[in-house]
Protein backbone atom coordinates (compact mmCIF):
# COMPACT_ATOMS: atom_id res chain seq x y z
CA MET A 1 91.87 114.02 83.10
CA GLY A 2 88.63 115.96 83.10
CA GLY A 3 90.00 119.45 83.60
CA VAL A 4 93.53 118.53 84.58
CA VAL A 5 94.63 122.08 84.03
CA ASN A 6 92.43 122.98 86.96
CA ALA A 7 94.17 120.30 89.01
CA GLU A 8 97.49 122.00 88.41
CA ARG A 9 95.99 125.52 88.95
CA GLY A 10 99.29 127.16 88.28
CA THR A 11 101.05 125.47 91.17
CA ARG A 12 103.12 123.12 89.06
CA ASN A 13 105.83 123.85 86.56
CA GLU A 14 107.03 121.65 83.76
CA ARG A 15 109.98 120.31 85.72
CA ASN A 16 107.81 119.08 88.55
CA GLY A 17 105.28 117.61 86.13
CA GLU A 18 108.04 115.64 84.44
CA ARG A 19 109.16 114.30 87.79
CA GLY A 20 105.65 112.99 88.37
CA THR A 21 105.75 111.29 85.00
CA ARG A 22 109.08 109.68 85.79
CA ASN A 23 107.49 108.23 88.90
CA ALA A 24 104.86 106.59 86.70
CA GLU A 25 107.49 105.20 84.37
CA GLN A 26 109.75 103.95 87.14
CA PRO A 27 107.55 102.50 89.89
CA GLY A 28 110.54 101.51 91.95
CA GLU A 29 111.75 105.08 92.18
CA VAL A 30 110.78 106.90 95.36
CA GLY A 31 111.06 110.56 94.56
CA ARG A 32 108.90 111.85 97.41
CA HIS A 33 109.84 110.12 100.64
CA ASP A 34 107.59 112.34 102.72
CA ALA A 35 104.48 111.14 100.89
CA ARG A 36 105.29 107.47 100.38
CA ILE A 37 103.19 105.19 102.55
CA ASP A 38 105.05 102.00 103.37
CA VAL A 39 102.61 99.46 104.79
CA PRO A 40 103.84 96.09 106.09
CA ARG A 41 102.34 93.42 103.86
CA SER A 42 101.69 91.15 106.83
CA GLU A 43 99.14 93.59 108.21
CA PHE A 44 96.81 93.31 105.22
CA ARG A 45 94.80 90.75 103.39
CA VAL A 46 96.02 91.85 99.97
CA PRO A 47 93.19 91.36 97.46
CA ARG A 48 93.88 88.50 95.09
CA SER A 49 92.73 90.68 92.23
CA ILE A 50 91.89 94.35 91.87
CA ILE A 51 89.72 96.24 89.40
CA ASP A 52 91.04 99.70 88.66
CA ALA A 53 87.84 101.54 87.76
CA HIS A 54 89.42 104.66 86.26
CA VAL A 55 92.37 104.53 83.87
CA HIS A 56 93.20 106.66 80.84
CA PHE A 57 95.17 105.63 77.78
CA TRP A 58 96.03 108.07 75.03
CA ASP A 59 98.35 108.59 72.10
CA PRO A 60 98.59 112.12 70.65
CA ALA A 61 99.72 110.55 67.37
CA GLU A 62 96.35 108.77 67.12
CA LEU A 63 93.87 111.35 68.40
CA HIS A 64 93.81 114.98 69.44
CA TYR A 65 93.72 116.09 73.08
CA PRO A 66 93.76 119.91 73.19
CA TRP A 67 93.89 119.98 77.00
CA LEU A 68 97.32 118.30 76.97
CA GLU A 69 98.84 121.50 75.62
CA GLY A 70 98.51 122.94 79.13
CA VAL A 71 100.02 119.87 80.82
CA PRO A 72 103.35 119.19 79.08
CA SER A 73 104.34 116.33 81.38
CA LEU A 74 101.34 114.35 80.11
CA GLY A 75 101.81 115.23 76.46
CA ARG A 76 103.10 111.86 75.31
CA PRO A 77 101.57 108.41 74.76
CA PHE A 78 100.37 106.61 77.88
CA LEU A 79 99.64 103.03 76.93
CA PRO A 80 99.05 99.66 78.64
CA SER A 81 102.78 98.93 78.72
CA ASP A 82 103.33 102.14 80.71
CA TYR A 83 100.49 101.19 83.03
CA GLY A 84 102.07 97.80 83.59
CA ALA A 85 105.36 99.43 84.52
CA ALA A 86 103.61 101.83 86.88
CA THR A 87 101.57 99.19 88.71
CA GLY A 88 104.37 96.64 89.02
CA GLU A 89 103.40 93.74 91.25
CA ILE A 90 100.10 95.29 92.42
CA PRO A 91 97.56 92.58 91.45
CA ILE A 92 95.47 94.49 88.90
CA ALA A 93 93.13 91.98 87.26
CA ARG A 94 90.84 94.26 85.25
CA VAL A 95 90.80 97.87 84.11
CA VAL A 96 88.03 100.30 83.16
CA PHE A 97 89.10 102.85 80.56
CA VAL A 98 87.54 106.31 80.87
CA GLU A 99 87.30 108.69 77.93
CA CYS A 100 90.09 111.24 77.64
CA ASN A 101 88.36 114.40 76.40
CA CYS A 102 89.35 114.25 72.77
CA PRO A 103 87.16 116.31 70.37
CA PRO A 104 83.56 115.04 70.17
CA GLU A 105 83.95 114.12 66.51
CA GLU A 106 86.74 111.70 67.48
CA ALA A 107 84.76 109.86 70.15
CA GLY A 108 84.04 106.87 67.95
CA ARG A 109 87.69 106.64 66.95
CA GLU A 110 88.65 106.69 70.63
CA VAL A 111 86.51 103.62 71.32
CA ALA A 112 88.08 101.85 68.33
CA PHE A 113 91.54 102.83 69.59
CA VAL A 114 90.86 101.35 73.02
CA GLU A 115 89.42 98.18 71.51
CA ARG A 116 92.69 97.75 69.58
CA LEU A 117 94.64 98.23 72.81
CA ALA A 118 92.47 95.59 74.48
CA GLN A 119 93.58 93.02 71.93
CA GLY A 120 97.02 93.13 73.53
CA GLU A 121 95.87 93.90 77.09
CA PRO A 122 93.22 91.41 78.24
CA ARG A 123 92.75 93.22 81.55
CA LEU A 124 91.08 96.09 79.67
CA THR A 125 87.50 94.90 79.96
CA GLY A 126 85.35 98.03 80.21
CA ILE A 127 85.04 101.40 78.48
CA VAL A 128 83.37 104.58 79.69
CA ALA A 129 82.94 106.41 76.40
CA PHE A 130 82.16 110.01 75.52
CA ALA A 131 78.78 111.03 74.19
CA ASN A 132 77.56 114.54 73.53
CA LEU A 133 74.41 114.36 75.60
CA ALA A 134 73.49 117.97 74.92
CA ASP A 135 73.09 117.27 71.19
CA SER A 136 69.45 116.24 71.18
CA GLU A 137 69.44 115.68 67.41
CA THR A 138 72.13 112.99 67.44
CA ILE A 139 72.13 111.53 70.97
CA ASP A 140 69.96 108.55 70.05
CA ARG A 141 72.31 107.58 67.21
CA GLN A 142 75.36 108.13 69.41
CA LEU A 143 74.06 105.89 72.17
CA ALA A 144 72.88 103.23 69.73
CA ALA A 145 76.35 103.01 68.19
CA LEU A 146 78.10 102.91 71.55
CA SER A 147 75.68 100.35 72.98
CA ALA A 148 76.53 98.05 70.09
CA CYS A 149 80.07 97.82 71.44
CA HIS A 150 80.13 95.12 74.12
CA SER A 151 83.03 96.76 75.95
CA VAL A 152 81.21 100.06 76.47
CA LYS A 153 79.78 99.98 79.98
CA GLY A 154 79.23 103.66 80.63
CA ILE A 155 79.11 107.20 79.27
CA ARG A 156 80.82 110.38 80.38
CA GLN A 157 80.53 113.99 79.35
CA ASN A 158 82.38 116.28 81.71
CA ILE A 159 80.34 118.67 83.78
CA GLN A 160 83.55 120.14 85.15
CA GLY A 161 84.59 123.17 83.13
CA GLN A 162 81.04 123.89 81.99
CA PRO A 163 79.09 127.00 83.02
CA ALA A 164 76.67 126.96 85.91
CA GLY A 165 73.42 125.28 85.00
CA PHE A 166 74.92 123.12 82.24
CA CYS A 167 73.82 119.80 83.74
CA ARG A 168 70.36 121.18 84.44
CA ARG A 169 69.61 121.96 80.81
CA HIS A 170 66.72 119.93 79.45
CA ALA A 171 68.72 118.33 76.62
CA PHE A 172 71.46 117.20 78.98
CA VAL A 173 69.06 115.79 81.58
CA GLU A 174 67.16 113.96 78.85
CA GLY A 175 70.44 112.60 77.50
CA VAL A 176 71.41 111.24 80.91
CA TRP A 177 67.97 109.70 81.22
CA LYS A 178 68.51 107.97 77.87
CA VAL A 179 71.86 106.62 79.09
CA GLY A 180 69.93 104.84 81.82
CA ARG A 181 67.38 103.53 79.31
CA ARG A 182 70.31 101.88 77.51
CA GLU A 183 71.34 100.27 80.83
CA LEU A 184 74.63 102.14 80.76
CA VAL A 185 76.29 103.88 83.70
CA PHE A 186 76.82 107.64 83.67
CA ASP A 187 80.12 108.83 85.12
CA LEU A 188 79.86 112.20 86.86
CA CYS A 189 82.97 114.35 86.53
CA ALA A 190 82.21 117.54 88.42
CA THR A 191 83.94 119.86 90.87
CA HIS A 192 82.95 120.42 94.49
CA ASP A 193 81.05 123.62 93.68
CA GLN A 194 78.88 121.80 91.12
CA LEU A 195 77.68 118.98 93.36
CA GLY A 196 74.42 120.72 94.24
CA GLU A 197 73.36 120.79 90.59
CA VAL A 198 74.65 117.24 90.16
CA ALA A 199 72.40 116.07 92.99
CA ASP A 200 69.44 117.66 91.21
CA LEU A 201 70.42 115.87 88.00
CA VAL A 202 70.52 112.53 89.83
CA ARG A 203 67.15 113.23 91.43
CA ASP A 204 65.65 113.78 87.97
CA CYS A 205 67.11 110.52 86.57
CA PRO A 206 66.21 107.88 89.19
CA ASP A 207 66.55 104.99 86.74
CA THR A 208 70.10 105.86 85.67
CA ARG A 209 73.06 104.46 87.58
CA PHE A 210 75.73 107.03 88.41
CA VAL A 211 79.36 106.89 89.48
CA LEU A 212 80.93 110.04 90.91
CA ASP A 213 84.49 110.48 89.70
CA HIS A 214 87.29 111.65 91.96
CA CYS A 215 85.16 112.12 95.08
CA GLY A 216 83.59 115.21 93.56
CA LYS A 217 87.00 116.96 93.37
CA PRO A 218 87.15 118.65 96.80
CA ALA A 219 89.30 121.77 97.19
CA ILE A 220 91.98 120.04 99.27
CA ARG A 221 94.67 122.61 98.45
CA ASP A 222 92.48 125.28 100.00
CA ARG A 223 91.72 123.12 103.08
CA CYS A 224 88.07 123.53 102.14
CA PHE A 225 85.97 120.71 103.63
CA GLU A 226 82.60 122.43 103.52
CA PRO A 227 80.34 122.80 101.64
CA TRP A 228 81.82 119.80 99.76
CA SER A 229 81.06 117.44 102.66
CA ALA A 230 77.40 118.43 102.93
CA ALA A 231 76.92 118.31 99.17
CA LEU A 232 78.50 114.86 99.04
CA ALA A 233 76.09 113.58 101.70
CA ARG A 234 73.15 114.95 99.74
CA LEU A 235 74.36 113.16 96.61
CA ALA A 236 75.03 109.91 98.47
CA ALA A 237 71.45 109.89 99.75
CA HIS A 238 70.51 108.71 96.25
CA LYS A 239 71.12 104.98 96.27
CA ASN A 240 71.72 104.86 92.51
CA VAL A 241 75.03 106.73 92.99
CA CYS A 242 78.42 105.17 93.75
CA CYS A 243 81.72 106.98 94.19
CA LYS A 244 85.25 106.31 92.98
CA LEU A 245 87.92 106.88 95.59
CA SER A 246 90.29 108.60 93.21
CA GLY A 247 91.70 111.96 92.21
CA LEU A 248 92.64 113.14 95.68
CA LEU A 249 96.38 113.33 94.93
CA THR A 250 95.96 115.82 92.13
CA GLU A 251 93.44 117.86 94.10
CA ALA A 252 95.94 118.10 96.97
CA GLY A 253 98.97 118.86 94.79
CA GLU A 254 102.50 117.58 94.73
CA ARG A 255 103.23 118.43 98.37
CA TRP A 256 100.39 116.29 99.66
CA ARG A 257 100.62 114.30 102.87
CA PRO A 258 98.41 111.35 103.82
CA GLU A 259 96.96 113.45 106.63
CA ASP A 260 95.73 115.96 104.04
CA LEU A 261 93.73 113.31 102.21
CA LEU A 262 92.39 111.17 105.04
CA PRO A 263 89.48 113.43 106.12
CA TYR A 264 88.16 113.48 102.56
CA ALA A 265 88.54 109.75 102.00
CA THR A 266 86.93 109.06 105.37
CA ARG A 267 83.99 111.28 104.52
CA VAL A 268 83.46 109.47 101.21
CA VAL A 269 83.25 106.14 103.00
CA GLU A 270 80.96 107.60 105.68
CA CYS A 271 78.56 108.86 103.03
CA PHE A 272 78.55 105.95 100.58
CA GLY A 273 79.58 102.99 102.72
CA PRO A 274 82.01 100.26 101.58
CA GLU A 275 79.34 98.79 99.33
CA ARG A 276 79.25 101.90 97.09
CA VAL A 277 82.90 103.00 96.94
CA LEU A 278 85.14 101.86 94.09
CA TYR A 279 88.92 101.64 93.93
CA ALA A 280 90.22 103.80 91.07
CA SER A 281 93.58 105.36 90.26
CA ASP A 282 93.05 108.08 87.65
CA TRP A 283 96.36 107.01 86.10
CA PRO A 284 98.27 108.67 84.47
CA VAL A 285 96.83 111.96 85.71
CA LEU A 286 97.84 110.98 89.26
CA THR A 287 101.49 111.26 88.14
CA LEU A 288 101.10 115.02 88.42
CA ALA A 289 101.32 114.58 92.19
CA GLY A 290 102.81 111.14 92.84
CA ASP A 291 103.02 107.65 91.44
CA TYR A 292 100.79 104.62 91.38
CA ARG A 293 102.31 103.03 94.48
CA ASP A 294 101.67 106.26 96.41
CA TRP A 295 97.96 106.03 95.67
CA TYR A 296 97.65 102.30 96.21
CA GLY A 297 99.49 102.60 99.52
CA PHE A 298 97.13 105.36 100.62
CA THR A 299 94.07 103.20 99.88
CA GLU A 300 95.61 100.40 101.93
CA ARG A 301 95.86 102.82 104.82
CA VAL A 302 92.24 103.87 104.38
CA THR A 303 91.00 100.26 104.30
CA HIS A 304 93.35 98.92 106.99
CA GLY A 305 90.64 98.20 109.57
CA TRP A 306 88.03 96.94 107.13
CA SER A 307 86.74 93.39 107.01
CA ALA A 308 87.90 91.09 104.23
CA THR A 309 84.41 91.36 102.70
CA ASP A 310 84.46 95.14 102.60
CA ARG A 311 87.98 95.23 101.17
CA SER A 312 86.91 92.80 98.47
CA ARG A 313 83.97 95.04 97.66
CA PHE A 314 86.12 98.14 97.45
CA TYR A 315 88.97 96.66 95.44
CA GLY A 316 86.88 94.86 92.87
CA ASP A 317 83.39 93.54 93.59
CA ASN A 318 81.70 96.95 93.51
CA ALA A 319 83.22 97.89 90.14
CA ALA A 320 82.33 94.49 88.68
CA ARG A 321 78.72 94.93 89.82
CA VAL A 322 78.30 98.54 88.79
CA TYR A 323 79.91 98.28 85.35
CA GLY A 324 78.75 94.74 84.64
CA LEU A 325 82.25 93.42 84.09
């Protein structure tokens, strides 16, 4: 989510998208043997419980999602039962739901929808909700209403897809500052070319806690490491910013290989350290390029040499601390 059409960038057709969705529905099916990472269980201390810090649930019969019109393979309900099928025996203990870019006027209904889902899915313990931060006339009322919901832990309004300078506008910066005043987290969804402005936003809101979604969406398809790497380091210099290790599959595309992703994942860990990196899947958007086991297996490869303490931080402790779960 968050500009998924950009993730496809014309490189995927409907048939391939549907194959990715089938992978999500049938976690035992290995449709892409070249990308699957089979890791011997004996080589890892598998976390007893994992927090997935970035999951989407939606139902087009409940709410409207205009962006799904451009991604037909995702244009159906994706609900906790589908997530359970996709994750299989992976020990997911808690889940953070992230808003799904429905129209702003439906944001309150989206929170109510997720709260209803949580009644049947106890692992769903946190919500990152949408708020229109640029609407200076209503932002105080929006945040007051969202803060009254115990499950709402953070706020997101996509920077991705907005014109240059959007997140530097006074109303937006003030809105992000107010998110921090409410002791909520602000999720940053921005592309690699926007990270410079994002770093300026963070600098201007030192009392707001931030989480960067999807590693800042590097241009992996284009084999473009810089200037993303330098911009990421500048952002990570602000200690009130954490980063979700997520989204790399869709940025790389369906023909991804682990070797394509490793330099980017390694750089994220170099910049933020294990104490500020969160495990996150971006399900079901990741089904555009693989399935849940693909992504989980890749993170096991990334964390293979880590200490048990650092793996525990990555797979759950950091998310629990940051989102107050």
